[in-house]
Amino acid sequence: MATVCLETDSNNSDWLDIECIYPFNWEIFTDADWATLNTIYTKLPDYQSITQNSEDSLPRWFSRIDNPKQGFLWASVEPPGLQVVGTLPKDTWQAWDEQLRAEIAILPFRT
């Protein structure tokens, strides 16, 4: 999987500003693949459940709002793939990203 990540140091060298694209092949995603992806979201560290009637239906981790002081991640389905954006401590990001990559390896990617 050829993931594209822009990880830049924020003002604090122990933290990263993150923007990644995981290049899923949405065109061949099945209903089962979507269900698997949604299950994977909930298994990742510090998943924030989506509240019904919420205007923000993005999957989120570490915080329900974009809070760079506390750390946050959110994901969005975009044409080139799954976009993940946030700010986290480097070690937290590396562990989260490793777990995500291991879990999503079974899903269809662009080659």
Protein backbone atom coordinates (compact mmCIF):
# COMPACT_ATOMS: atom_id res chain seq x y z
CA MET A 1 0.00 0.00 0.00
CA ALA A 2 1.55 3.28 -1.10
CA THR A 3 0.25 5.63 1.56
CA VAL A 4 1.09 9.31 1.21
CA CYS A 5 1.70 11.08 4.52
CA LEU A 6 2.76 14.61 5.28
CA GLU A 7 4.01 14.64 8.84
CA THR A 8 5.42 17.97 9.95
CA ASP A 9 6.70 19.03 13.32
CA SER A 10 4.34 21.39 15.02
CA ASN A 11 5.75 24.04 17.35
CA ASN A 12 6.57 21.23 19.79
CA SER A 13 9.13 18.76 18.45
CA ASP A 14 7.41 15.85 20.23
CA TRP A 15 4.20 16.41 18.23
CA LEU A 16 3.30 16.00 14.55
CA ASP A 17 0.78 17.68 12.30
CA ILE A 18 -0.54 14.82 10.18
CA GLU A 19 -2.24 14.53 6.81
CA CYS A 20 -2.29 11.09 5.18
CA ILE A 21 -4.08 9.43 2.29
CA TYR A 22 -4.57 5.66 2.41
CA PRO A 23 -5.33 4.87 -1.26
CA PHE A 24 -8.32 2.55 -1.02
CA ASN A 25 -9.90 1.47 -4.27
CA TRP A 26 -13.39 2.77 -3.50
CA GLU A 27 -14.72 1.61 -6.89
CA ILE A 28 -14.48 -2.04 -5.86
CA PHE A 29 -15.39 -1.63 -2.18
CA THR A 30 -18.27 -3.94 -1.26
CA ASP A 31 -20.82 -3.46 1.51
CA ALA A 32 -18.76 -5.96 3.52
CA ASP A 33 -15.61 -3.84 2.97
CA TRP A 34 -17.41 -0.72 4.24
CA ALA A 35 -18.61 -2.66 7.29
CA THR A 36 -15.07 -3.91 7.91
CA LEU A 37 -13.65 -0.39 7.66
CA ASN A 38 -16.24 0.91 10.13
CA THR A 39 -15.37 -1.91 12.54
CA ILE A 40 -11.67 -1.11 12.19
CA TYR A 41 -12.38 2.51 13.13
CA THR A 42 -13.83 1.39 16.47
CA LYS A 43 -10.85 -0.87 17.24
CA LEU A 44 -8.26 1.89 16.90
CA PRO A 45 -6.96 3.59 20.08
CA ASP A 46 -9.20 6.23 21.65
CA TYR A 47 -12.03 6.04 19.12
CA GLN A 48 -14.68 8.69 19.79
CA SER A 49 -18.11 7.30 19.00
CA ILE A 50 -20.24 9.35 16.65
CA THR A 51 -23.30 10.81 18.34
CA GLN A 52 -26.59 10.51 16.54
CA ASN A 53 -27.90 13.79 15.16
CA SER A 54 -24.36 15.13 15.14
CA GLU A 55 -23.52 17.49 12.30
CA ASP A 56 -20.03 16.01 12.31
CA SER A 57 -20.28 12.42 11.14
CA LEU A 58 -16.54 11.96 10.64
CA PRO A 59 -14.85 9.15 12.53
CA ARG A 60 -12.64 10.71 15.20
CA TRP A 61 -10.01 9.62 17.67
CA PHE A 62 -8.55 11.25 20.81
CA SER A 63 -11.01 14.18 20.76
CA ARG A 64 -14.43 15.02 19.31
CA ILE A 65 -13.11 18.41 18.23
CA ASP A 66 -9.97 19.61 16.46
CA ASN A 67 -7.94 20.31 19.59
CA PRO A 68 -4.21 20.56 18.82
CA LYS A 69 -3.30 20.92 22.51
CA GLN A 70 -5.02 17.65 23.45
CA GLY A 71 -4.40 15.82 20.18
CA PHE A 72 -6.95 14.67 17.62
CA LEU A 73 -7.43 12.67 14.45
CA TRP A 74 -10.32 12.45 12.03
CA ALA A 75 -10.86 10.53 8.81
CA SER A 76 -12.76 11.38 5.65
CA VAL A 77 -13.55 9.37 2.52
CA GLU A 78 -12.10 11.31 -0.42
CA PRO A 79 -11.71 10.33 -4.11
CA PRO A 80 -8.01 9.39 -3.80
CA GLY A 81 -8.56 7.40 -0.59
CA LEU A 82 -9.10 7.70 3.14
CA GLN A 83 -7.78 11.04 4.36
CA VAL A 84 -6.58 11.11 7.97
CA VAL A 85 -5.80 14.50 9.53
CA GLY A 86 -4.76 15.55 13.00
CA THR A 87 -2.14 16.51 15.53
CA LEU A 88 -0.64 13.95 17.90
CA PRO A 89 2.51 13.13 19.84
CA LYS A 90 4.93 11.29 17.53
CA ASP A 91 4.87 8.01 19.46
CA THR A 92 1.06 8.00 19.68
CA TRP A 93 0.79 8.64 15.93
CA GLN A 94 3.29 5.91 15.04
CA ALA A 95 1.45 3.32 17.16
CA TRP A 96 -1.96 4.37 15.79
CA ASP A 97 -0.75 4.34 12.16
CA GLU A 98 0.90 0.91 12.59
CA GLN A 99 -2.31 -0.55 13.98
CA LEU A 100 -4.40 1.03 11.21
CA ARG A 101 -2.09 -0.32 8.49
CA ALA A 102 -2.19 -3.82 9.97
CA GLU A 103 -6.00 -3.79 10.18
CA ILE A 104 -6.71 -2.35 6.72
CA ALA A 105 -4.33 -4.64 4.83
CA ILE A 106 -7.28 -6.92 3.99
CA LEU A 107 -9.18 -4.16 2.15
CA PRO A 108 -8.86 -3.28 -1.58
CA PHE A 109 -6.21 -0.68 -2.42
CA ARG A 110 -5.18 1.04 -5.62
CA THR A 111 -2.01 -0.36 -7.10
